[in-house]
Amino acid sequence: MENRIGKRLIIIAIDGPAASGKSTTAKIVAGKLGYTYIDTGAMYRSVTLRVLRSGMLDELHRDAGLVSGLLGDMIIEFRGDRVFLDGEDVSEAIRENVVSREVSFVSSLKPVRDRLLELQQSMGAARGVVMDGRDIGTVVFPDAELKIFLVADPRERAKRRHAELLRKAGSAAVPTVEELEEEIRQRDRDDEQRTHAPLKRHPEAVVVDTSCMTIDEQVEQVYGLAMKVLEG
């Protein structure tokens, strides 16, 4: 299959820890290639938001199987760069820090991962997608033609998250860089140690350290790797 610029269609899987630049990089690279961008992190955040709104979080810590009741009629859609949960635009709501604190736990639940795995594989079946997350290259699309694993220093990632929260918060208080760094380190531990689809690098994935890179620099590096695959 070919895209609008005459290139064959491939899947680009971008994995890595929180605030390593996955979503921004994936979105821009998809635009440059004329591909569809699928933000799997937003999908897990949407489920987490639904769990928080249901008031069942504590119950799920005692009985994870209860989450299945929240998944059956759930609809997650991408419309341009906006994310909709059951018809509601939740693009901002899913980025709140309360969601960030709980998303690793909710993402670790097997019924959640099974349901979203099914949705993600369906979305990418036609290829011509850039998909980012924690397990895209290892679980969702291990056959992806290009697998990238982004990393960055936890302190730098905390600074990025702090700057993002400040832009969105206005006069509201936001966590300190130190508090965010500890949250990020804890989330890394949770993601790496979970039983189902832990965060890890596929042996074929290209590691890109974004600690000292601008967004433009990391986009160009990933885009360049994609073009090598397409032209190879």
Protein backbone atom coordinates (compact mmCIF):
# COMPACT_ATOMS: atom_id res chain seq x y z
CA MET A 1 0.00 0.00 0.00
CA GLU A 2 1.12 3.59 -0.62
CA ASN A 3 0.45 6.95 1.00
CA ARG A 4 -0.23 10.30 -0.60
CA ILE A 5 3.46 10.90 -1.44
CA GLY A 6 3.88 7.55 -3.16
CA LYS A 7 5.64 5.73 -0.33
CA ARG A 8 4.68 2.29 0.90
CA LEU A 9 2.81 2.29 4.18
CA ILE A 10 4.56 1.18 7.34
CA ILE A 11 3.89 1.19 11.07
CA ILE A 12 6.11 3.36 13.25
CA ALA A 13 6.04 2.36 16.92
CA ILE A 14 7.37 4.94 19.40
CA ASP A 15 7.74 3.75 22.98
CA GLY A 16 9.27 5.27 26.08
CA PRO A 17 8.59 6.57 29.58
CA ALA A 18 6.40 9.54 30.55
CA ALA A 19 7.43 13.00 29.30
CA SER A 20 10.14 11.70 26.97
CA GLY A 21 8.57 13.53 24.03
CA LYS A 22 6.73 10.59 22.46
CA SER A 23 3.38 12.22 21.73
CA THR A 24 4.68 15.48 20.28
CA THR A 25 7.28 13.71 18.17
CA ALA A 26 4.85 11.06 16.93
CA LYS A 27 2.22 13.65 16.02
CA ILE A 28 4.61 15.81 13.99
CA VAL A 29 6.27 12.85 12.26
CA ALA A 30 2.85 11.51 11.29
CA GLY A 31 1.97 14.88 9.80
CA LYS A 32 5.20 15.02 7.79
CA LEU A 33 4.57 11.54 6.38
CA GLY A 34 0.84 11.98 5.79
CA TYR A 35 0.20 9.17 8.27
CA THR A 36 -2.43 8.72 10.97
CA TYR A 37 -1.28 9.49 14.51
CA ILE A 38 -2.66 7.27 17.28
CA ASP A 39 -1.99 8.43 20.85
CA THR A 40 -2.38 5.24 22.90
CA GLY A 41 -1.41 7.12 26.05
CA ALA A 42 -4.52 9.26 25.58
CA MET A 43 -6.56 6.08 25.34
CA TYR A 44 -5.27 4.82 28.70
CA ARG A 45 -5.75 8.26 30.20
CA SER A 46 -9.34 8.25 28.95
CA VAL A 47 -10.01 4.94 30.69
CA THR A 48 -8.38 6.34 33.83
CA LEU A 49 -10.60 9.42 33.69
CA ARG A 50 -13.64 7.17 33.38
CA VAL A 51 -12.48 5.16 36.41
CA LEU A 52 -11.94 8.32 38.48
CA ARG A 53 -15.34 9.71 37.53
CA SER A 54 -16.99 6.39 38.45
CA GLY A 55 -15.63 6.58 42.00
CA MET A 56 -14.44 2.96 41.72
CA LEU A 57 -10.70 3.49 42.02
CA ASP A 58 -10.42 2.12 45.57
CA GLU A 59 -12.60 -0.86 44.66
CA LEU A 60 -10.35 -1.69 41.71
CA HIS A 61 -7.35 -1.86 44.02
CA ARG A 62 -9.22 -4.64 45.84
CA ASP A 63 -10.78 -6.33 42.81
CA ALA A 64 -9.30 -5.40 39.42
CA GLY A 65 -11.89 -7.48 37.58
CA LEU A 66 -14.54 -4.87 38.34
CA VAL A 67 -13.02 -2.62 35.68
CA SER A 68 -14.58 -4.79 32.96
CA GLY A 69 -17.93 -3.23 33.76
CA LEU A 70 -16.58 0.19 32.79
CA LEU A 71 -15.21 -0.91 29.42
CA GLY A 72 -18.13 -2.48 27.58
CA ASP A 73 -19.89 0.64 26.31
CA MET A 74 -16.85 2.94 26.31
CA ILE A 75 -16.15 4.86 23.08
CA ILE A 76 -12.78 6.55 22.50
CA GLU A 77 -12.36 8.62 19.33
CA PHE A 78 -9.68 10.82 17.81
CA ARG A 79 -10.95 13.80 15.84
CA GLY A 80 -7.95 15.65 14.52
CA ASP A 81 -5.81 16.35 17.57
CA ARG A 82 -8.75 16.13 20.00
CA VAL A 83 -9.68 13.12 22.13
CA PHE A 84 -13.31 12.24 22.79
CA LEU A 85 -14.59 9.90 25.49
CA ASP A 86 -18.21 8.85 25.03
CA GLY A 87 -18.75 11.89 22.83
CA GLU A 88 -17.14 14.39 25.25
CA ASP A 89 -13.96 16.29 24.38
CA VAL A 90 -11.59 15.26 27.19
CA SER A 91 -8.36 16.47 25.60
CA GLU A 92 -7.54 18.71 28.56
CA ALA A 93 -9.17 16.64 31.31
CA ILE A 94 -7.03 13.57 30.61
CA ARG A 95 -3.83 15.63 31.07
CA GLU A 96 -4.70 16.68 34.62
CA ASN A 97 -2.17 15.58 37.23
CA VAL A 98 -4.74 13.47 39.08
CA VAL A 99 -5.04 11.35 35.93
CA SER A 100 -1.25 11.22 35.56
CA ARG A 101 -0.92 9.84 39.08
CA GLU A 102 -3.37 6.98 38.50
CA VAL A 103 -2.88 6.07 34.84
CA SER A 104 -0.04 3.64 35.50
CA PHE A 105 -2.22 1.59 37.87
CA VAL A 106 -5.24 1.59 35.58
CA SER A 107 -3.03 0.74 32.61
CA SER A 108 -1.67 -2.29 34.47
CA LEU A 109 -5.11 -3.95 34.71
CA LYS A 110 -5.37 -6.87 32.29
CA PRO A 111 -8.99 -6.20 31.18
CA VAL A 112 -7.97 -2.63 30.28
CA ARG A 113 -4.90 -3.70 28.33
CA ASP A 114 -6.80 -6.46 26.53
CA ARG A 115 -9.60 -4.11 25.45
CA LEU A 116 -7.29 -1.33 24.28
CA LEU A 117 -4.94 -3.79 22.57
CA GLU A 118 -7.89 -4.91 20.46
CA LEU A 119 -8.78 -1.29 19.61
CA GLN A 120 -5.18 -0.29 18.82
CA GLN A 121 -4.52 -3.24 16.53
CA SER A 122 -7.75 -2.49 14.71
CA MET A 123 -6.76 1.16 14.26
CA GLY A 124 -3.37 0.24 12.84
CA ALA A 125 -4.39 -2.72 10.71
CA ALA A 126 -4.25 -0.74 7.45
CA ARG A 127 -0.72 0.50 8.34
CA GLY A 128 0.36 4.06 7.57
CA VAL A 129 0.27 4.96 11.26
CA VAL A 130 2.55 6.40 13.90
CA MET A 131 1.58 5.00 17.28
CA ASP A 132 3.17 5.90 20.60
CA GLY A 133 2.90 4.36 24.03
CA ARG A 134 4.65 1.95 26.39
CA ASP A 135 4.27 -1.40 24.62
CA ILE A 136 3.66 -0.62 20.96
CA GLY A 137 6.85 -2.22 19.66
CA THR A 138 6.76 -5.14 22.09
CA VAL A 139 3.06 -6.08 22.30
CA VAL A 140 0.75 -4.10 20.02
CA PHE A 141 2.84 -4.15 16.81
CA PRO A 142 6.04 -6.17 17.32
CA ASP A 143 6.19 -6.43 13.51
CA ALA A 144 6.35 -2.63 13.07
CA GLU A 145 8.86 -1.75 10.37
CA LEU A 146 10.35 1.00 12.54
CA LYS A 147 10.53 0.78 16.32
CA ILE A 148 11.80 3.75 18.35
CA PHE A 149 12.46 3.88 22.08
CA LEU A 150 12.71 7.44 23.43
CA VAL A 151 14.44 8.07 26.74
CA ALA A 152 15.28 11.21 28.73
CA ASP A 153 16.69 12.11 32.13
CA PRO A 154 13.92 12.10 34.81
CA ARG A 155 14.83 15.62 35.96
CA GLU A 156 14.52 16.96 32.42
CA ARG A 157 11.21 15.18 31.98
CA ALA A 158 9.95 16.72 35.24
CA LYS A 159 10.92 20.19 34.00
CA ARG A 160 8.99 19.61 30.76
CA ARG A 161 5.93 18.42 32.65
CA HIS A 162 6.16 21.40 35.04
CA ALA A 163 6.34 23.85 32.13
CA GLU A 164 3.33 22.16 30.50
CA LEU A 165 1.29 22.38 33.70
CA LEU A 166 2.21 26.04 34.19
CA ARG A 167 1.01 26.88 30.68
CA LYS A 168 -2.33 25.23 31.34
CA ALA A 169 -2.89 26.15 35.00
CA GLY A 170 -3.14 29.92 34.85
CA SER A 171 -3.30 31.05 38.47
CA ALA A 172 -3.85 27.53 39.86
CA ALA A 173 -1.10 25.91 41.91
CA VAL A 174 0.97 23.19 40.24
CA PRO A 175 3.34 20.61 41.75
CA THR A 176 7.00 21.54 42.05
CA VAL A 177 9.64 20.14 39.72
CA GLU A 178 10.88 18.00 42.62
CA GLU A 179 7.41 16.57 43.27
CA LEU A 180 6.91 15.86 39.57
CA GLU A 181 10.32 14.18 39.32
CA GLU A 182 9.40 11.81 42.14
CA GLU A 183 6.05 11.07 40.50
CA ILE A 184 7.81 10.36 37.19
CA ARG A 185 10.37 8.06 38.84
CA GLN A 186 7.56 6.20 40.61
CA ARG A 187 5.60 5.90 37.40
CA ASP A 188 8.68 4.52 35.64
CA ARG A 189 9.01 1.89 38.36
CA ASP A 190 5.32 1.02 38.11
CA ASP A 191 5.42 0.81 34.31
CA GLU A 192 8.57 -1.33 34.28
CA GLN A 193 7.43 -3.73 37.01
CA ARG A 194 3.79 -4.31 36.05
CA THR A 195 2.81 -7.87 35.18
CA HIS A 196 1.02 -7.15 31.92
CA ALA A 197 2.94 -5.51 29.05
CA PRO A 198 5.64 -3.77 31.12
CA LEU A 199 7.62 -0.87 29.67
CA LYS A 200 10.68 -2.30 27.97
CA ARG A 201 12.65 -1.82 24.79
CA HIS A 202 12.21 -4.17 21.86
CA PRO A 203 15.63 -5.58 20.85
CA GLU A 204 15.21 -4.04 17.38
CA ALA A 205 14.18 -0.60 18.64
CA VAL A 206 16.41 2.39 17.98
CA VAL A 207 17.12 4.25 21.24
CA VAL A 208 16.88 8.05 21.01
CA ASP A 209 17.91 10.04 24.09
CA THR A 210 15.96 13.32 24.02
CA SER A 211 17.42 14.81 27.24
CA CYS A 212 19.34 17.51 25.39
CA MET A 213 17.25 17.65 22.22
CA THR A 214 14.72 20.19 21.11
CA ILE A 215 11.43 18.90 19.72
CA ASP A 216 12.59 19.85 16.22
CA GLU A 217 15.78 17.82 16.66
CA GLN A 218 14.06 14.68 17.86
CA VAL A 219 11.40 14.97 15.15
CA GLU A 220 14.07 15.22 12.47
CA GLN A 221 15.93 12.22 13.86
CA VAL A 222 12.83 10.01 13.91
CA TYR A 223 11.65 11.31 10.52
CA GLY A 224 15.08 10.56 9.08
CA LEU A 225 14.94 6.99 10.39
CA ALA A 226 11.46 6.59 8.88
CA MET A 227 12.64 7.81 5.47
CA LYS A 228 15.53 5.33 5.52
CA VAL A 229 13.04 2.50 6.03
CA LEU A 230 10.70 3.81 3.34
CA GLU A 231 13.51 4.28 0.82
CA GLY A 232 15.33 1.08 1.72
